[in-house]
Amino acid sequence: MLSSSLTRWVSRNGYIKALVVQPSFSRQFSSTPAVNSSDFDKLGIIGLGLMGHGIAQTAATAAAKTGLHSSIIAYETDDTFLDRGRDRIQKSVDRLVSKERLSSADADALMNKITFTTDRDALNDTDLIVEAIIENMELKKSLYSELGEQCKPETIFASNTSSLSITQMAMASGRPQNFVGVHFFNPVQLMKLVEIVRTDHTDEAVFDKTLDWVEKIGKVGVRCRDTPGFIVNRLLVPNLVQAILLVERGDASTKDVDLSMQLGAGHPMGPLHLADYIGLDTCLFIMEGWVKDFPNERAFEVPEILRKKVEENELGRKTGKGFYHWNGEKRGDPVDR
């Protein structure tokens, strides 16, 4: 688990992926507006991995306390993934009980709000579906195309993607007016921020209702249009790249770049430390995608030293060496000392 100071900064697993170019579509779209009731009575969660299980737990906590949702349908593709997601939630809840932050009765009420299933038809009559599957655009578009045919016309779709195109997924769903992005941060149970992303097609009432839901489950929502990286990653990733370029040009050492941002800007850790923690391969993947898709954006640049380190499998924390030496989660000395 990240320190509290770092969790205010970034997802520990670097859920920041490259944007894909938006194609044109000829599909006929539904014009059915979203329901007008103030709350989403029945919530669906697709994917119970690192992010999805946290979203389900957070929503169930609010539902148990306030009656926000009559039920939460937690869907996974097979029993193995379903059981793993259920266990993650149960262990998280049990820790809260053991620390006396949650009573046993409240824990039971929370878990009873969630229906775990591998039957996707259980999502058909949900009011809001939050998708948290892997960051693969083609897989997401295929899913939304099927959900668009399957779910009731009023169902609102919300993707938890960290930077993939909300517009592409919205168009694939056949109901772009009922589609938003809801980018939670890891760990969901602790991180307060949620980026709520609208496209040119999003109905204003849908956007406002989703923002209201985010706040009712105890989060702080920020508004953003569908742009590469949204707010946090759009600011964060180019910042990391500029730090790498300083080292690449020999303008400053790894140690001095990170120390400068910690002591001069009040950051909890330096950008090169953070890049290592996220994974240099992830940083490269993001920036290469952005450079390809937005060649005229001057903020998007790929440092050669970043390519070289990835080619040599110096990926940072995960491989034991990047801009720093690493021993598991413990950072060592800079490589360029």
C-alpha atoms as a PDB file:
ATOM      1  CA  MET A   1       0.000   0.000   0.000  1.00  0.00           C
ATOM      2  CA  LEU A   2       1.268   3.483  -0.779  1.00  0.00           C
ATOM      3  CA  SER A   3       1.908   6.050   1.903  1.00  0.00           C
ATOM      4  CA  SER A   4      -0.925   8.520   2.476  1.00  0.00           C
ATOM      5  CA  SER A   5       1.110  11.295   0.903  1.00  0.00           C
ATOM      6  CA  LEU A   6       1.724   9.319  -2.266  1.00  0.00           C
ATOM      7  CA  THR A   7      -1.839   8.080  -2.587  1.00  0.00           C
ATOM      8  CA  ARG A   8      -2.864  11.702  -2.943  1.00  0.00           C
ATOM      9  CA  TRP A   9      -0.693  11.773  -6.036  1.00  0.00           C
ATOM     10  CA  VAL A  10      -1.149   8.745  -8.200  1.00  0.00           C
ATOM     11  CA  SER A  11      -2.415   5.193  -8.510  1.00  0.00           C
ATOM     12  CA  ARG A  12       0.272   2.827  -7.270  1.00  0.00           C
ATOM     13  CA  ASN A  13      -0.147   0.622 -10.315  1.00  0.00           C
ATOM     14  CA  GLY A  14       0.035   3.462 -12.802  1.00  0.00           C
ATOM     15  CA  TYR A  15      -3.329   2.993 -14.450  1.00  0.00           C
ATOM     16  CA  ILE A  16      -2.492   5.424 -17.176  1.00  0.00           C
ATOM     17  CA  LYS A  17      -2.786   4.113 -20.718  1.00  0.00           C
ATOM     18  CA  ALA A  18      -2.489   5.523 -24.211  1.00  0.00           C
ATOM     19  CA  LEU A  19      -5.384   7.118 -26.045  1.00  0.00           C
ATOM     20  CA  VAL A  20      -6.600   5.599 -29.291  1.00  0.00           C
ATOM     21  CA  VAL A  21      -7.659   7.664 -32.318  1.00  0.00           C
ATOM     22  CA  GLN A  22     -11.407   8.111 -32.664  1.00  0.00           C
ATOM     23  CA  PRO A  23     -12.874   6.522 -35.809  1.00  0.00           C
ATOM     24  CA  SER A  24     -16.115   7.424 -37.522  1.00  0.00           C
ATOM     25  CA  PHE A  25     -19.257   5.365 -36.944  1.00  0.00           C
ATOM     26  CA  SER A  26     -22.386   4.802 -38.989  1.00  0.00           C
ATOM     27  CA  ARG A  27     -24.436   3.077 -36.310  1.00  0.00           C
ATOM     28  CA  GLN A  28     -27.931   4.432 -35.551  1.00  0.00           C
ATOM     29  CA  PHE A  29     -28.094   5.696 -31.988  1.00  0.00           C
ATOM     30  CA  SER A  30     -30.864   5.490 -29.436  1.00  0.00           C
ATOM     31  CA  SER A  31     -32.343   8.852 -28.507  1.00  0.00           C
ATOM     32  CA  THR A  32     -33.926   7.635 -25.278  1.00  0.00           C
ATOM     33  CA  PRO A  33     -33.018  10.033 -22.440  1.00  0.00           C
ATOM     34  CA  ALA A  34     -31.828   8.903 -19.052  1.00  0.00           C
ATOM     35  CA  VAL A  35     -34.357   8.405 -16.274  1.00  0.00           C
ATOM     36  CA  ASN A  36     -35.229  11.516 -14.303  1.00  0.00           C
ATOM     37  CA  SER A  37     -35.224  10.050 -10.788  1.00  0.00           C
ATOM     38  CA  SER A  38     -32.649  11.600  -8.481  1.00  0.00           C
ATOM     39  CA  ASP A  39     -30.763   8.376  -7.663  1.00  0.00           C
ATOM     40  CA  PHE A  40     -29.550   5.221  -9.386  1.00  0.00           C
ATOM     41  CA  ASP A  41     -31.566   2.566  -7.585  1.00  0.00           C
ATOM     42  CA  LYS A  42     -29.840  -0.463  -9.099  1.00  0.00           C
ATOM     43  CA  LEU A  43     -26.105  -0.269  -9.764  1.00  0.00           C
ATOM     44  CA  GLY A  44     -24.013  -2.588 -11.925  1.00  0.00           C
ATOM     45  CA  ILE A  45     -20.250  -3.078 -11.667  1.00  0.00           C
ATOM     46  CA  ILE A  46     -18.402  -4.894 -14.450  1.00  0.00           C
ATOM     47  CA  GLY A  47     -14.988  -6.181 -13.420  1.00  0.00           C
ATOM     48  CA  LEU A  48     -13.935  -6.865  -9.812  1.00  0.00           C
ATOM     49  CA  GLY A  49     -10.209  -6.397 -10.160  1.00  0.00           C
ATOM     50  CA  LEU A  50      -8.059  -3.801  -8.427  1.00  0.00           C
ATOM     51  CA  MET A  51     -10.386  -0.912  -9.261  1.00  0.00           C
ATOM     52  CA  GLY A  52     -13.740  -2.621  -9.681  1.00  0.00           C
ATOM     53  CA  HIS A  53     -13.821  -4.294  -6.279  1.00  0.00           C
ATOM     54  CA  GLY A  54     -13.020  -0.952  -4.641  1.00  0.00           C
ATOM     55  CA  ILE A  55     -15.816   0.804  -6.524  1.00  0.00           C
ATOM     56  CA  ALA A  56     -18.261  -1.939  -5.536  1.00  0.00           C
ATOM     57  CA  GLN A  57     -17.215  -1.732  -1.883  1.00  0.00           C
ATOM     58  CA  THR A  58     -17.422   2.058  -1.814  1.00  0.00           C
ATOM     59  CA  ALA A  59     -20.883   2.081  -3.378  1.00  0.00           C
ATOM     60  CA  ALA A  60     -22.081  -0.706  -1.066  1.00  0.00           C
ATOM     61  CA  THR A  61     -20.849   1.217   1.971  1.00  0.00           C
ATOM     62  CA  ALA A  62     -22.932   4.221   0.959  1.00  0.00           C
ATOM     63  CA  ALA A  63     -25.904   2.028   0.081  1.00  0.00           C
ATOM     64  CA  ALA A  64     -25.841   0.273   3.451  1.00  0.00           C
ATOM     65  CA  LYS A  65     -25.708   3.589   5.304  1.00  0.00           C
ATOM     66  CA  THR A  66     -28.140   5.670   3.281  1.00  0.00           C
ATOM     67  CA  GLY A  67     -30.150   3.285   1.119  1.00  0.00           C
ATOM     68  CA  LEU A  68     -28.639   4.871  -2.001  1.00  0.00           C
ATOM     69  CA  HIS A  69     -28.937   1.601  -3.936  1.00  0.00           C
ATOM     70  CA  SER A  70     -31.471  -1.175  -3.432  1.00  0.00           C
ATOM     71  CA  SER A  71     -28.918  -3.576  -4.925  1.00  0.00           C
ATOM     72  CA  ILE A  72     -25.483  -3.677  -6.514  1.00  0.00           C
ATOM     73  CA  ILE A  73     -24.850  -6.277  -9.220  1.00  0.00           C
ATOM     74  CA  ALA A  74     -21.163  -7.207  -9.312  1.00  0.00           C
ATOM     75  CA  TYR A  75     -20.403  -9.041 -12.548  1.00  0.00           C
ATOM     76  CA  GLU A  76     -17.369 -11.049 -13.613  1.00  0.00           C
ATOM     77  CA  THR A  77     -16.856 -13.318 -16.611  1.00  0.00           C
ATOM     78  CA  ASP A  78     -16.113 -16.494 -14.634  1.00  0.00           C
ATOM     79  CA  ASP A  79     -16.250 -17.878 -11.112  1.00  0.00           C
ATOM     80  CA  THR A  80     -12.511 -17.602 -10.531  1.00  0.00           C
ATOM     81  CA  PHE A  81     -12.469 -13.849 -11.082  1.00  0.00           C
ATOM     82  CA  LEU A  82     -15.776 -13.469  -9.257  1.00  0.00           C
ATOM     83  CA  ASP A  83     -14.541 -15.299  -6.156  1.00  0.00           C
ATOM     84  CA  ARG A  84     -11.303 -13.328  -6.201  1.00  0.00           C
ATOM     85  CA  GLY A  85     -13.215 -10.050  -6.306  1.00  0.00           C
ATOM     86  CA  ARG A  86     -15.577 -11.117  -3.534  1.00  0.00           C
ATOM     87  CA  ASP A  87     -12.607 -12.153  -1.386  1.00  0.00           C
ATOM     88  CA  ARG A  88     -10.927  -8.790  -1.940  1.00  0.00           C
ATOM     89  CA  ILE A  89     -13.992  -6.948  -0.723  1.00  0.00           C
ATOM     90  CA  GLN A  90     -14.503  -9.306   2.210  1.00  0.00           C
ATOM     91  CA  LYS A  91     -10.885  -8.998   3.350  1.00  0.00           C
ATOM     92  CA  SER A  92     -11.044  -5.208   3.101  1.00  0.00           C
ATOM     93  CA  VAL A  93     -14.258  -5.141   5.131  1.00  0.00           C
ATOM     94  CA  ASP A  94     -12.833  -7.588   7.699  1.00  0.00           C
ATOM     95  CA  ARG A  95      -9.820  -5.312   8.209  1.00  0.00           C
ATOM     96  CA  LEU A  96     -12.140  -2.407   8.951  1.00  0.00           C
ATOM     97  CA  VAL A  97     -14.015  -4.528  11.491  1.00  0.00           C
ATOM     98  CA  SER A  98     -10.783  -5.680  13.148  1.00  0.00           C
ATOM     99  CA  LYS A  99      -9.668  -2.051  13.480  1.00  0.00           C
ATOM    100  CA  GLU A 100     -13.089  -1.151  14.919  1.00  0.00           C
ATOM    101  CA  ARG A 101     -13.783   1.262  12.067  1.00  0.00           C
ATOM    102  CA  LEU A 102     -16.858  -0.743  11.059  1.00  0.00           C
ATOM    103  CA  SER A 103     -19.249  -2.788  13.155  1.00  0.00           C
ATOM    104  CA  SER A 104     -19.957  -6.407  12.316  1.00  0.00           C
ATOM    105  CA  ALA A 105     -23.604  -5.529  11.652  1.00  0.00           C
ATOM    106  CA  ASP A 106     -22.621  -2.764   9.227  1.00  0.00           C
ATOM    107  CA  ALA A 107     -20.150  -5.104   7.542  1.00  0.00           C
ATOM    108  CA  ASP A 108     -22.886  -7.668   6.992  1.00  0.00           C
ATOM    109  CA  ALA A 109     -25.236  -4.997   5.667  1.00  0.00           C
ATOM    110  CA  LEU A 110     -22.541  -3.825   3.247  1.00  0.00           C
ATOM    111  CA  MET A 111     -21.869  -7.299   1.884  1.00  0.00           C
ATOM    112  CA  ASN A 112     -25.585  -8.061   1.632  1.00  0.00           C
ATOM    113  CA  LYS A 113     -26.011  -5.101  -0.724  1.00  0.00           C
ATOM    114  CA  ILE A 114     -23.844  -6.820  -3.339  1.00  0.00           C
ATOM    115  CA  THR A 115     -25.068  -9.617  -5.576  1.00  0.00           C
ATOM    116  CA  PHE A 116     -22.113 -11.440  -7.142  1.00  0.00           C
ATOM    117  CA  THR A 117     -22.823 -13.057 -10.492  1.00  0.00           C
ATOM    118  CA  THR A 118     -21.413 -14.368 -13.761  1.00  0.00           C
ATOM    119  CA  ASP A 119     -24.801 -13.902 -15.451  1.00  0.00           C
ATOM    120  CA  ARG A 120     -24.575 -10.721 -17.518  1.00  0.00           C
ATOM    121  CA  ASP A 121     -28.335 -10.655 -17.978  1.00  0.00           C
ATOM    122  CA  ALA A 122     -28.503  -9.552 -14.342  1.00  0.00           C
ATOM    123  CA  LEU A 123     -27.288  -6.156 -15.558  1.00  0.00           C
ATOM    124  CA  ASN A 124     -30.159  -5.642 -17.999  1.00  0.00           C
ATOM    125  CA  ASP A 125     -32.350  -3.533 -15.709  1.00  0.00           C
ATOM    126  CA  THR A 126     -29.641  -1.608 -13.865  1.00  0.00           C
ATOM    127  CA  ASP A 127     -29.800   2.199 -13.804  1.00  0.00           C
ATOM    128  CA  LEU A 128     -26.039   2.796 -13.920  1.00  0.00           C
ATOM    129  CA  ILE A 129     -23.235   0.462 -14.986  1.00  0.00           C
ATOM    130  CA  VAL A 130     -19.637   1.237 -14.039  1.00  0.00           C
ATOM    131  CA  GLU A 131     -17.142  -0.694 -16.154  1.00  0.00           C
ATOM    132  CA  ALA A 132     -13.682  -1.445 -14.740  1.00  0.00           C
ATOM    133  CA  ILE A 133     -12.187  -4.075 -17.048  1.00  0.00           C
ATOM    134  CA  ILE A 134      -8.668  -4.079 -18.481  1.00  0.00           C
ATOM    135  CA  GLU A 135      -7.457  -1.107 -20.520  1.00  0.00           C
ATOM    136  CA  ASN A 136      -8.050  -2.562 -23.955  1.00  0.00           C
ATOM    137  CA  MET A 137     -10.065  -0.356 -26.286  1.00  0.00           C
ATOM    138  CA  GLU A 138     -11.271  -3.081 -28.647  1.00  0.00           C
ATOM    139  CA  LEU A 139     -12.454  -5.201 -25.732  1.00  0.00           C
ATOM    140  CA  LYS A 140     -14.257  -2.248 -24.178  1.00  0.00           C
ATOM    141  CA  LYS A 141     -15.941  -1.261 -27.450  1.00  0.00           C
ATOM    142  CA  SER A 142     -17.142  -4.827 -27.984  1.00  0.00           C
ATOM    143  CA  LEU A 143     -18.536  -4.938 -24.449  1.00  0.00           C
ATOM    144  CA  TYR A 144     -20.388  -1.647 -24.818  1.00  0.00           C
ATOM    145  CA  SER A 145     -21.809  -2.621 -28.176  1.00  0.00           C
ATOM    146  CA  GLU A 146     -23.329  -5.691 -26.550  1.00  0.00           C
ATOM    147  CA  LEU A 147     -24.504  -3.791 -23.464  1.00  0.00           C
ATOM    148  CA  GLY A 148     -26.157  -1.209 -25.696  1.00  0.00           C
ATOM    149  CA  GLU A 149     -28.306  -3.947 -27.195  1.00  0.00           C
ATOM    150  CA  GLN A 150     -28.841  -5.765 -23.913  1.00  0.00           C
ATOM    151  CA  CYS A 151     -29.663  -3.154 -21.255  1.00  0.00           C
ATOM    152  CA  LYS A 152     -32.811  -1.115 -20.861  1.00  0.00           C
ATOM    153  CA  PRO A 153     -32.707   2.137 -22.888  1.00  0.00           C
ATOM    154  CA  GLU A 154     -32.413   4.329 -19.792  1.00  0.00           C
ATOM    155  CA  THR A 155     -29.277   2.642 -18.420  1.00  0.00           C
ATOM    156  CA  ILE A 156     -26.307   4.977 -18.145  1.00  0.00           C
ATOM    157  CA  PHE A 157     -22.851   3.603 -18.929  1.00  0.00           C
ATOM    158  CA  ALA A 158     -19.720   4.871 -17.144  1.00  0.00           C
ATOM    159  CA  SER A 159     -16.184   3.732 -17.910  1.00  0.00           C
ATOM    160  CA  ASN A 160     -13.468   3.821 -15.253  1.00  0.00           C
ATOM    161  CA  THR A 161     -10.736   4.087 -17.889  1.00  0.00           C
ATOM    162  CA  SER A 162      -7.834   6.292 -16.869  1.00  0.00           C
ATOM    163  CA  SER A 163      -7.177   7.787 -20.301  1.00  0.00           C
ATOM    164  CA  LEU A 164      -8.767   5.836 -23.147  1.00  0.00           C
ATOM    165  CA  SER A 165     -11.210   7.705 -25.358  1.00  0.00           C
ATOM    166  CA  ILE A 166     -14.628   7.995 -23.747  1.00  0.00           C
ATOM    167  CA  THR A 167     -16.042   9.090 -27.117  1.00  0.00           C
ATOM    168  CA  GLN A 168     -15.017   5.875 -28.858  1.00  0.00           C
ATOM    169  CA  MET A 169     -16.698   3.751 -26.219  1.00  0.00           C
ATOM    170  CA  ALA A 170     -19.779   5.978 -26.169  1.00  0.00           C
ATOM    171  CA  MET A 171     -20.225   5.676 -29.924  1.00  0.00           C
ATOM    172  CA  ALA A 172     -19.786   1.910 -29.775  1.00  0.00           C
ATOM    173  CA  SER A 173     -22.550   1.667 -27.162  1.00  0.00           C
ATOM    174  CA  GLY A 174     -25.171   3.115 -29.503  1.00  0.00           C
ATOM    175  CA  ARG A 175     -26.303   5.511 -26.777  1.00  0.00           C
ATOM    176  CA  PRO A 176     -23.589   8.192 -26.581  1.00  0.00           C
ATOM    177  CA  GLN A 177     -25.955  10.602 -24.829  1.00  0.00           C
ATOM    178  CA  ASN A 178     -26.043   8.182 -21.869  1.00  0.00           C
ATOM    179  CA  PHE A 179     -22.289   7.696 -21.578  1.00  0.00           C
ATOM    180  CA  VAL A 180     -19.694   9.263 -19.249  1.00  0.00           C
ATOM    181  CA  GLY A 181     -16.253   8.547 -17.859  1.00  0.00           C
ATOM    182  CA  VAL A 182     -15.784   8.058 -14.111  1.00  0.00           C
ATOM    183  CA  HIS A 183     -12.061   7.733 -13.407  1.00  0.00           C
ATOM    184  CA  PHE A 184     -11.508   6.584  -9.821  1.00  0.00           C
ATOM    185  CA  PHE A 185      -8.032   6.413  -8.281  1.00  0.00           C
ATOM    186  CA  ASN A 186      -6.346   3.549  -6.491  1.00  0.00           C
ATOM    187  CA  PRO A 187      -6.982   2.538  -3.765  1.00  0.00           C
ATOM    188  CA  VAL A 188     -10.601   3.460  -4.408  1.00  0.00           C
ATOM    189  CA  GLN A 189     -11.600   3.046  -0.767  1.00  0.00           C
ATOM    190  CA  LEU A 190      -9.143   5.790   0.268  1.00  0.00           C
ATOM    191  CA  MET A 191      -8.700   8.114  -2.697  1.00  0.00           C
ATOM    192  CA  LYS A 192     -11.290  10.898  -2.745  1.00  0.00           C
ATOM    193  CA  LEU A 193     -10.944  12.117  -6.334  1.00  0.00           C
ATOM    194  CA  VAL A 194     -13.040  10.990  -9.288  1.00  0.00           C
ATOM    195  CA  GLU A 195     -12.641  12.544 -12.743  1.00  0.00           C
ATOM    196  CA  ILE A 196     -16.044  12.736 -14.433  1.00  0.00           C
ATOM    197  CA  VAL A 197     -15.620  12.958 -18.190  1.00  0.00           C
ATOM    198  CA  ARG A 198     -18.145  14.150 -20.768  1.00  0.00           C
ATOM    199  CA  THR A 199     -18.068  13.892 -24.530  1.00  0.00           C
ATOM    200  CA  ASP A 200     -19.694  16.161 -27.092  1.00  0.00           C
ATOM    201  CA  HIS A 201     -22.648  13.746 -27.046  1.00  0.00           C
ATOM    202  CA  THR A 202     -23.216  13.399 -23.292  1.00  0.00           C
ATOM    203  CA  ASP A 203     -26.617  14.580 -22.119  1.00  0.00           C
ATOM    204  CA  GLU A 204     -26.203  17.311 -19.505  1.00  0.00           C
ATOM    205  CA  ALA A 205     -28.708  15.661 -17.172  1.00  0.00           C
ATOM    206  CA  VAL A 206     -26.769  12.383 -17.391  1.00  0.00           C
ATOM    207  CA  PHE A 207     -23.527  14.148 -16.526  1.00  0.00           C
ATOM    208  CA  ASP A 208     -25.057  16.013 -13.576  1.00  0.00           C
ATOM    209  CA  LYS A 209     -26.712  12.879 -12.242  1.00  0.00           C
ATOM    210  CA  THR A 210     -23.445  10.971 -12.386  1.00  0.00           C
ATOM    211  CA  LEU A 211     -21.632  13.781 -10.575  1.00  0.00           C
ATOM    212  CA  ASP A 212     -24.328  13.700  -7.913  1.00  0.00           C
ATOM    213  CA  TRP A 213     -23.862   9.934  -7.524  1.00  0.00           C
ATOM    214  CA  VAL A 214     -20.099  10.313  -7.138  1.00  0.00           C
ATOM    215  CA  GLU A 215     -20.634  12.776  -4.320  1.00  0.00           C
ATOM    216  CA  LYS A 216     -23.264  10.592  -2.637  1.00  0.00           C
ATOM    217  CA  ILE A 217     -20.783   7.698  -2.381  1.00  0.00           C
ATOM    218  CA  GLY A 218     -18.382  10.003  -0.576  1.00  0.00           C
ATOM    219  CA  LYS A 219     -16.056  11.124  -3.363  1.00  0.00           C
ATOM    220  CA  VAL A 220     -15.076  14.503  -4.774  1.00  0.00           C
ATOM    221  CA  GLY A 221     -15.892  14.849  -8.451  1.00  0.00           C
ATOM    222  CA  VAL A 222     -14.074  17.065 -10.914  1.00  0.00           C
ATOM    223  CA  ARG A 223     -15.454  17.841 -14.373  1.00  0.00           C
ATOM    224  CA  CYS A 224     -13.476  17.258 -17.541  1.00  0.00           C
ATOM    225  CA  ARG A 225     -14.068  16.975 -21.273  1.00  0.00           C
ATOM    226  CA  ASP A 226     -12.828  13.914 -23.167  1.00  0.00           C
ATOM    227  CA  THR A 227      -9.164  14.824 -23.652  1.00  0.00           C
ATOM    228  CA  PRO A 228      -6.013  12.650 -23.567  1.00  0.00           C
ATOM    229  CA  GLY A 229      -5.262  11.698 -19.965  1.00  0.00           C
ATOM    230  CA  PHE A 230      -8.178  13.796 -18.625  1.00  0.00           C
ATOM    231  CA  ILE A 231      -6.808  16.097 -15.895  1.00  0.00           C
ATOM    232  CA  VAL A 232      -4.449  14.174 -13.616  1.00  0.00           C
ATOM    233  CA  ASN A 233      -2.589  12.068 -16.157  1.00  0.00           C
ATOM    234  CA  ARG A 234      -2.513  14.896 -18.710  1.00  0.00           C
ATOM    235  CA  LEU A 235      -0.578  16.953 -16.169  1.00  0.00           C
ATOM    236  CA  LEU A 236       1.357  14.119 -14.572  1.00  0.00           C
ATOM    237  CA  VAL A 237       2.823  12.215 -17.518  1.00  0.00           C
ATOM    238  CA  PRO A 238       4.344  15.209 -19.377  1.00  0.00           C
ATOM    239  CA  ASN A 239       5.823  16.295 -16.032  1.00  0.00           C
ATOM    240  CA  LEU A 240       7.554  12.935 -15.711  1.00  0.00           C
ATOM    241  CA  VAL A 241       8.805  13.203 -19.282  1.00  0.00           C
ATOM    242  CA  GLN A 242      10.331  16.637 -18.684  1.00  0.00           C
ATOM    243  CA  ALA A 243      12.175  15.276 -15.655  1.00  0.00           C
ATOM    244  CA  ILE A 244      13.534  12.416 -17.783  1.00  0.00           C
ATOM    245  CA  LEU A 245      14.645  14.883 -20.471  1.00  0.00           C
ATOM    246  CA  LEU A 246      16.586  16.894 -17.876  1.00  0.00           C
ATOM    247  CA  VAL A 247      18.565  13.774 -17.010  1.00  0.00           C
ATOM    248  CA  GLU A 248      18.915  12.750 -20.662  1.00  0.00           C
ATOM    249  CA  ARG A 249      20.462  16.100 -21.597  1.00  0.00           C
ATOM    250  CA  GLY A 250      22.771  16.047 -18.591  1.00  0.00           C
ATOM    251  CA  ASP A 251      21.189  19.217 -17.196  1.00  0.00           C
ATOM    252  CA  ALA A 252      20.741  17.668 -13.753  1.00  0.00           C
ATOM    253  CA  SER A 253      21.165  14.348 -11.980  1.00  0.00           C
ATOM    254  CA  THR A 254      18.334  12.010 -10.985  1.00  0.00           C
ATOM    255  CA  LYS A 255      18.910  12.800  -7.322  1.00  0.00           C
ATOM    256  CA  ASP A 256      18.892  16.567  -7.842  1.00  0.00           C
ATOM    257  CA  VAL A 257      15.788  16.569 -10.061  1.00  0.00           C
ATOM    258  CA  ASP A 258      13.788  14.621  -7.485  1.00  0.00           C
ATOM    259  CA  LEU A 259      15.157  16.545  -4.517  1.00  0.00           C
ATOM    260  CA  SER A 260      14.305  19.829  -6.236  1.00  0.00           C
ATOM    261  CA  MET A 261      10.648  18.894  -6.722  1.00  0.00           C
ATOM    262  CA  GLN A 262      10.344  17.568  -3.182  1.00  0.00           C
ATOM    263  CA  LEU A 263      11.913  20.535  -1.400  1.00  0.00           C
ATOM    264  CA  GLY A 264      11.131  23.256  -3.934  1.00  0.00           C
ATOM    265  CA  ALA A 265       7.607  22.319  -4.959  1.00  0.00           C
ATOM    266  CA  GLY A 266       6.470  20.333  -1.926  1.00  0.00           C
ATOM    267  CA  HIS A 267       5.903  17.097  -3.836  1.00  0.00           C
ATOM    268  CA  PRO A 268       5.834  13.928  -1.696  1.00  0.00           C
ATOM    269  CA  MET A 269       8.289  12.225  -4.060  1.00  0.00           C
ATOM    270  CA  GLY A 270      10.295  13.251  -7.085  1.00  0.00           C
ATOM    271  CA  PRO A 271       9.125  12.648 -10.679  1.00  0.00           C
ATOM    272  CA  LEU A 272      11.846  10.099 -11.502  1.00  0.00           C
ATOM    273  CA  HIS A 273      11.102   8.140  -8.338  1.00  0.00           C
ATOM    274  CA  LEU A 274       7.436   8.219  -9.330  1.00  0.00           C
ATOM    275  CA  ALA A 275       8.159   7.127 -12.919  1.00  0.00           C
ATOM    276  CA  ASP A 276      10.096   4.151 -11.576  1.00  0.00           C
ATOM    277  CA  TYR A 277       7.226   3.321  -9.242  1.00  0.00           C
ATOM    278  CA  ILE A 278       4.615   3.450 -11.997  1.00  0.00           C
ATOM    279  CA  GLY A 279       6.822   1.524 -14.428  1.00  0.00           C
ATOM    280  CA  LEU A 280       8.921   2.999 -17.219  1.00  0.00           C
ATOM    281  CA  ASP A 281       7.253   0.670 -19.725  1.00  0.00           C
ATOM    282  CA  THR A 282       3.870   2.130 -18.758  1.00  0.00           C
ATOM    283  CA  CYS A 283       5.203   5.676 -19.149  1.00  0.00           C
ATOM    284  CA  LEU A 284       6.593   4.806 -22.582  1.00  0.00           C
ATOM    285  CA  PHE A 285       3.375   3.127 -23.699  1.00  0.00           C
ATOM    286  CA  ILE A 286       1.327   6.173 -22.777  1.00  0.00           C
ATOM    287  CA  MET A 287       3.569   8.749 -24.349  1.00  0.00           C
ATOM    288  CA  GLU A 288       4.176   6.779 -27.565  1.00  0.00           C
ATOM    289  CA  GLY A 289       0.428   6.505 -28.030  1.00  0.00           C
ATOM    290  CA  TRP A 290      -0.109  10.194 -27.440  1.00  0.00           C
ATOM    291  CA  VAL A 291       2.730  11.169 -29.789  1.00  0.00           C
ATOM    292  CA  LYS A 292       1.266   8.941 -32.505  1.00  0.00           C
ATOM    293  CA  ASP A 293      -2.286  10.156 -32.114  1.00  0.00           C
ATOM    294  CA  PHE A 294      -1.526  13.826 -31.459  1.00  0.00           C
ATOM    295  CA  PRO A 295       1.675  14.624 -33.391  1.00  0.00           C
ATOM    296  CA  ASN A 296       1.142  18.393 -33.186  1.00  0.00           C
ATOM    297  CA  GLU A 297       0.903  18.463 -29.387  1.00  0.00           C
ATOM    298  CA  ARG A 298       4.267  19.837 -28.247  1.00  0.00           C
ATOM    299  CA  ALA A 299       3.841  18.537 -24.696  1.00  0.00           C
ATOM    300  CA  PHE A 300       3.955  14.957 -25.964  1.00  0.00           C
ATOM    301  CA  GLU A 301       7.552  13.771 -26.451  1.00  0.00           C
ATOM    302  CA  VAL A 302       9.349  10.456 -25.945  1.00  0.00           C
ATOM    303  CA  PRO A 303      12.867  10.702 -24.428  1.00  0.00           C
ATOM    304  CA  GLU A 304      15.401   8.340 -25.989  1.00  0.00           C
ATOM    305  CA  ILE A 305      16.700   7.355 -22.569  1.00  0.00           C
ATOM    306  CA  LEU A 306      13.207   6.123 -21.726  1.00  0.00           C
ATOM    307  CA  ARG A 307      13.119   3.917 -24.844  1.00  0.00           C
ATOM    308  CA  LYS A 308      16.588   2.571 -24.041  1.00  0.00           C
ATOM    309  CA  LYS A 309      15.750   1.675 -20.472  1.00  0.00           C
ATOM    310  CA  VAL A 310      12.616  -0.169 -21.548  1.00  0.00           C
ATOM    311  CA  GLU A 311      14.546  -2.031 -24.273  1.00  0.00           C
ATOM    312  CA  GLU A 312      17.067  -3.114 -21.620  1.00  0.00           C
ATOM    313  CA  ASN A 313      14.249  -4.149 -19.252  1.00  0.00           C
ATOM    314  CA  GLU A 314      15.131  -1.437 -16.765  1.00  0.00           C
ATOM    315  CA  LEU A 315      11.509  -0.728 -15.926  1.00  0.00           C
ATOM    316  CA  GLY A 316      11.922   0.640 -12.419  1.00  0.00           C
ATOM    317  CA  ARG A 317      10.523  -0.915  -9.268  1.00  0.00           C
ATOM    318  CA  LYS A 318       9.079  -3.982 -11.000  1.00  0.00           C
ATOM    319  CA  THR A 319      12.450  -5.140 -12.394  1.00  0.00           C
ATOM    320  CA  GLY A 320      14.761  -3.780  -9.686  1.00  0.00           C
ATOM    321  CA  LYS A 321      16.337  -1.050 -11.777  1.00  0.00           C
ATOM    322  CA  GLY A 322      15.217   2.085 -13.600  1.00  0.00           C
ATOM    323  CA  PHE A 323      16.417   5.548 -12.706  1.00  0.00           C
ATOM    324  CA  TYR A 324      17.012   4.057  -9.252  1.00  0.00           C
ATOM    325  CA  HIS A 325      18.025   0.660  -7.942  1.00  0.00           C
ATOM    326  CA  TRP A 326      15.160  -1.141  -6.185  1.00  0.00           C
ATOM    327  CA  ASN A 327      14.866  -3.988  -3.693  1.00  0.00           C
ATOM    328  CA  GLY A 328      11.202  -4.914  -3.831  1.00  0.00           C
ATOM    329  CA  GLU A 329       9.253  -1.871  -2.664  1.00  0.00           C
ATOM    330  CA  LYS A 330      12.382  -0.233  -1.210  1.00  0.00           C
ATOM    331  CA  ARG A 331      14.113   2.358  -3.377  1.00  0.00           C
ATOM    332  CA  GLY A 332      17.913   2.415  -3.399  1.00  0.00           C
ATOM    333  CA  ASP A 333      20.459   4.825  -4.838  1.00  0.00           C
ATOM    334  CA  PRO A 334      20.133   6.526  -8.228  1.00  0.00           C
ATOM    335  CA  VAL A 335      21.660   4.619 -11.134  1.00  0.00           C
ATOM    336  CA  ASP A 336      23.536   7.726 -12.302  1.00  0.00           C
ATOM    337  CA  ARG A 337      25.117   8.577  -8.950  1.00  0.00           C
END
